[in-house]
Amino acid sequence: MEFISNENQLETLLRLENKKLIREKLRELNPKHILIIRLFYWSGKSYKEIARIINSTPNSVGATLTKIRKELREIFRDIQA
């Protein structure tokens, strides 16, 4: 049986709470933004490919990704505070 200190238990609880907060915050994102994130980061699509899929322009996709990244930085900053 492994001994787990109170400090380790607290760290584990904080990590789980942060994961929960992150999931909740990500659910608040615009569904179109979630699609763009998935296409760009998980599927490796280019701005041009994403633009074709969502009926937009590559410049608009780039601007939207910039906006999404800013939103995500704010979410993570709030969670870390």
N, C-alpha and C. Protein backbone atom coordinates (compact mmCIF):
# COMPACT_ATOMS: atom_id res chain seq x y z
N MET A 1 0.85 -1.18 0.00
CA MET A 1 0.00 0.00 0.00
C MET A 1 0.90 1.24 0.00
N GLU A 2 0.64 2.12 -0.94
CA GLU A 2 1.46 3.31 -1.08
C GLU A 2 0.92 4.43 -0.20
N PHE A 3 1.84 5.10 0.47
CA PHE A 3 1.46 6.22 1.32
C PHE A 3 1.29 7.46 0.46
N ILE A 4 0.17 8.14 0.62
CA ILE A 4 -0.08 9.38 -0.11
C ILE A 4 -0.20 10.50 0.91
N SER A 5 0.67 11.49 0.79
CA SER A 5 0.65 12.59 1.75
C SER A 5 -0.55 13.49 1.50
N ASN A 6 -0.89 14.27 2.52
CA ASN A 6 -1.97 15.24 2.38
C ASN A 6 -1.67 16.22 1.26
N GLU A 7 -0.39 16.58 1.10
CA GLU A 7 0.01 17.51 0.05
C GLU A 7 -0.26 16.90 -1.33
N ASN A 8 0.06 15.63 -1.50
CA ASN A 8 -0.21 14.95 -2.77
C ASN A 8 -1.70 14.86 -3.04
N GLN A 9 -2.47 14.59 -1.99
CA GLN A 9 -3.92 14.53 -2.14
C GLN A 9 -4.47 15.89 -2.57
N LEU A 10 -3.96 16.95 -1.97
CA LEU A 10 -4.40 18.30 -2.32
C LEU A 10 -4.04 18.62 -3.77
N GLU A 11 -2.83 18.28 -4.18
CA GLU A 11 -2.41 18.52 -5.56
C GLU A 11 -3.31 17.76 -6.54
N THR A 12 -3.64 16.53 -6.20
CA THR A 12 -4.52 15.73 -7.05
C THR A 12 -5.91 16.36 -7.15
N LEU A 13 -6.45 16.80 -6.04
CA LEU A 13 -7.76 17.44 -6.04
C LEU A 13 -7.75 18.73 -6.86
N LEU A 14 -6.70 19.53 -6.71
CA LEU A 14 -6.59 20.77 -7.47
C LEU A 14 -6.49 20.48 -8.97
N ARG A 15 -5.73 19.47 -9.33
CA ARG A 15 -5.57 19.12 -10.74
C ARG A 15 -6.92 18.68 -11.32
N LEU A 16 -7.66 17.86 -10.57
CA LEU A 16 -8.98 17.42 -11.03
C LEU A 16 -9.95 18.59 -11.15
N GLU A 17 -9.90 19.49 -10.19
CA GLU A 17 -10.77 20.67 -10.23
C GLU A 17 -10.44 21.54 -11.44
N ASN A 18 -9.15 21.71 -11.72
CA ASN A 18 -8.74 22.50 -12.89
C ASN A 18 -9.22 21.86 -14.18
N LYS A 19 -9.14 20.53 -14.27
CA LYS A 19 -9.62 19.84 -15.46
C LYS A 19 -11.12 20.07 -15.64
N LYS A 20 -11.85 20.02 -14.53
CA LYS A 20 -13.30 20.25 -14.58
C LYS A 20 -13.59 21.67 -15.05
N LEU A 21 -12.86 22.64 -14.51
CA LEU A 21 -13.05 24.04 -14.91
C LEU A 21 -12.73 24.24 -16.39
N ILE A 22 -11.66 23.61 -16.85
CA ILE A 22 -11.28 23.73 -18.26
C ILE A 22 -12.38 23.18 -19.15
N ARG A 23 -12.89 22.00 -18.81
CA ARG A 23 -13.97 21.41 -19.61
C ARG A 23 -15.20 22.32 -19.63
N GLU A 24 -15.56 22.87 -18.48
CA GLU A 24 -16.72 23.77 -18.40
C GLU A 24 -16.50 25.01 -19.27
N LYS A 25 -15.32 25.59 -19.20
CA LYS A 25 -15.02 26.80 -19.98
C LYS A 25 -15.01 26.50 -21.48
N LEU A 26 -14.47 25.34 -21.86
CA LEU A 26 -14.43 24.98 -23.28
C LEU A 26 -15.83 24.78 -23.84
N ARG A 27 -16.75 24.30 -22.99
CA ARG A 27 -18.15 24.13 -23.44
C ARG A 27 -18.81 25.47 -23.74
N GLU A 28 -18.27 26.55 -23.16
CA GLU A 28 -18.83 27.88 -23.39
C GLU A 28 -18.39 28.49 -24.71
N LEU A 29 -17.38 27.88 -25.35
CA LEU A 29 -16.91 28.41 -26.62
C LEU A 29 -17.97 28.23 -27.71
N ASN A 30 -17.91 29.10 -28.68
CA ASN A 30 -18.77 29.03 -29.85
C ASN A 30 -18.54 27.69 -30.55
N PRO A 31 -19.60 26.95 -30.91
CA PRO A 31 -19.44 25.65 -31.57
C PRO A 31 -18.60 25.74 -32.86
N LYS A 32 -18.75 26.83 -33.58
CA LYS A 32 -17.95 27.02 -34.81
C LYS A 32 -16.46 27.12 -34.45
N HIS A 33 -16.16 27.77 -33.34
CA HIS A 33 -14.77 27.90 -32.89
C HIS A 33 -14.20 26.54 -32.51
N ILE A 34 -15.02 25.72 -31.86
CA ILE A 34 -14.59 24.38 -31.49
C ILE A 34 -14.28 23.57 -32.76
N LEU A 35 -15.12 23.70 -33.76
CA LEU A 35 -14.89 23.01 -35.04
C LEU A 35 -13.56 23.46 -35.65
N ILE A 36 -13.32 24.76 -35.67
CA ILE A 36 -12.08 25.28 -36.24
C ILE A 36 -10.87 24.76 -35.48
N ILE A 37 -10.95 24.74 -34.15
CA ILE A 37 -9.86 24.20 -33.33
C ILE A 37 -9.60 22.74 -33.69
N ARG A 38 -10.66 21.97 -33.77
CA ARG A 38 -10.49 20.54 -34.10
C ARG A 38 -9.89 20.36 -35.49
N LEU A 39 -10.37 21.11 -36.45
CA LEU A 39 -9.86 20.97 -37.81
C LEU A 39 -8.39 21.38 -37.90
N PHE A 40 -8.03 22.45 -37.22
CA PHE A 40 -6.66 22.96 -37.32
C PHE A 40 -5.68 22.13 -36.49
N TYR A 41 -5.99 21.94 -35.21
CA TYR A 41 -5.04 21.29 -34.32
C TYR A 41 -5.08 19.77 -34.36
N TRP A 42 -6.26 19.18 -34.42
CA TRP A 42 -6.35 17.73 -34.38
C TRP A 42 -6.29 17.10 -35.76
N SER A 43 -6.87 17.77 -36.77
CA SER A 43 -6.88 17.19 -38.11
C SER A 43 -5.75 17.74 -38.99
N GLY A 44 -5.10 18.80 -38.54
CA GLY A 44 -3.97 19.35 -39.29
C GLY A 44 -4.36 20.04 -40.59
N LYS A 45 -5.58 20.52 -40.66
CA LYS A 45 -6.05 21.20 -41.87
C LYS A 45 -5.43 22.60 -41.96
N SER A 46 -5.24 23.05 -43.19
CA SER A 46 -4.73 24.40 -43.42
C SER A 46 -5.88 25.40 -43.33
N TYR A 47 -5.52 26.68 -43.26
CA TYR A 47 -6.55 27.73 -43.24
C TYR A 47 -7.44 27.61 -44.48
N LYS A 48 -6.82 27.33 -45.61
CA LYS A 48 -7.56 27.23 -46.87
C LYS A 48 -8.55 26.06 -46.83
N GLU A 49 -8.11 24.91 -46.30
CA GLU A 49 -8.99 23.75 -46.20
C GLU A 49 -10.14 24.02 -45.24
N ILE A 50 -9.82 24.64 -44.11
CA ILE A 50 -10.87 24.96 -43.13
C ILE A 50 -11.87 25.94 -43.73
N ALA A 51 -11.36 26.94 -44.42
CA ALA A 51 -12.23 27.94 -45.05
C ALA A 51 -13.21 27.27 -46.01
N ARG A 52 -12.73 26.31 -46.78
CA ARG A 52 -13.59 25.59 -47.71
C ARG A 52 -14.67 24.82 -46.94
N ILE A 53 -14.29 24.19 -45.84
CA ILE A 53 -15.23 23.38 -45.06
C ILE A 53 -16.31 24.24 -44.41
N ILE A 54 -15.92 25.40 -43.87
CA ILE A 54 -16.89 26.23 -43.14
C ILE A 54 -17.45 27.37 -43.98
N ASN A 55 -17.13 27.35 -45.28
CA ASN A 55 -17.62 28.36 -46.21
C ASN A 55 -17.19 29.77 -45.78
N SER A 56 -15.89 29.94 -45.69
CA SER A 56 -15.31 31.21 -45.25
C SER A 56 -14.07 31.49 -46.09
N THR A 57 -13.24 32.41 -45.61
CA THR A 57 -11.99 32.72 -46.30
C THR A 57 -10.82 32.32 -45.39
N PRO A 58 -9.67 32.03 -45.99
CA PRO A 58 -8.49 31.72 -45.17
C PRO A 58 -8.14 32.84 -44.20
N ASN A 59 -8.27 34.10 -44.63
CA ASN A 59 -7.97 35.22 -43.74
C ASN A 59 -8.91 35.24 -42.54
N SER A 60 -10.17 34.94 -42.78
CA SER A 60 -11.15 34.91 -41.70
C SER A 60 -10.83 33.77 -40.72
N VAL A 61 -10.42 32.63 -41.25
CA VAL A 61 -10.04 31.50 -40.40
C VAL A 61 -8.86 31.89 -39.52
N GLY A 62 -7.86 32.54 -40.11
CA GLY A 62 -6.70 32.98 -39.33
C GLY A 62 -7.09 33.96 -38.24
N ALA A 63 -7.94 34.92 -38.58
CA ALA A 63 -8.39 35.90 -37.59
C ALA A 63 -9.19 35.23 -36.47
N THR A 64 -10.01 34.26 -36.85
CA THR A 64 -10.80 33.55 -35.86
C THR A 64 -9.91 32.73 -34.93
N LEU A 65 -8.89 32.06 -35.48
CA LEU A 65 -7.96 31.31 -34.65
C LEU A 65 -7.21 32.23 -33.68
N THR A 66 -6.86 33.42 -34.13
CA THR A 66 -6.21 34.40 -33.25
C THR A 66 -7.15 34.75 -32.10
N LYS A 67 -8.42 34.98 -32.42
CA LYS A 67 -9.42 35.30 -31.39
C LYS A 67 -9.60 34.13 -30.42
N ILE A 68 -9.66 32.91 -30.95
CA ILE A 68 -9.83 31.72 -30.12
C ILE A 68 -8.64 31.57 -29.17
N ARG A 69 -7.44 31.74 -29.69
CA ARG A 69 -6.24 31.62 -28.85
C ARG A 69 -6.28 32.63 -27.71
N LYS A 70 -6.73 33.84 -28.00
CA LYS A 70 -6.83 34.86 -26.95
C LYS A 70 -7.84 34.42 -25.89
N GLU A 71 -8.99 33.92 -26.33
CA GLU A 71 -10.01 33.44 -25.40
C GLU A 71 -9.46 32.32 -24.52
N LEU A 72 -8.73 31.38 -25.14
CA LEU A 72 -8.18 30.26 -24.39
C LEU A 72 -7.13 30.72 -23.38
N ARG A 73 -6.29 31.69 -23.78
CA ARG A 73 -5.31 32.22 -22.83
C ARG A 73 -6.00 32.83 -21.62
N GLU A 74 -7.10 33.56 -21.85
CA GLU A 74 -7.85 34.16 -20.75
C GLU A 74 -8.48 33.08 -19.85
N ILE A 75 -9.00 32.02 -20.48
CA ILE A 75 -9.58 30.92 -19.70
C ILE A 75 -8.52 30.32 -18.80
N PHE A 76 -7.35 30.00 -19.37
CA PHE A 76 -6.30 29.36 -18.57
C PHE A 76 -5.72 30.30 -17.53
N ARG A 77 -5.65 31.58 -17.84
CA ARG A 77 -5.17 32.56 -16.86
C ARG A 77 -6.14 32.62 -15.68
N ASP A 78 -7.43 32.62 -15.96
CA ASP A 78 -8.44 32.65 -14.88
C ASP A 78 -8.36 31.41 -14.01
N ILE A 79 -8.12 30.26 -14.64
CA ILE A 79 -8.07 29.01 -13.89
C ILE A 79 -6.82 28.96 -13.03
N GLN A 80 -5.70 29.47 -13.53
CA GLN A 80 -4.44 29.44 -12.77
C GLN A 80 -4.42 30.45 -11.64
N ALA A 81 -5.25 31.48 -11.72
CA ALA A 81 -5.23 32.54 -10.71
C ALA A 81 -5.78 32.08 -9.38
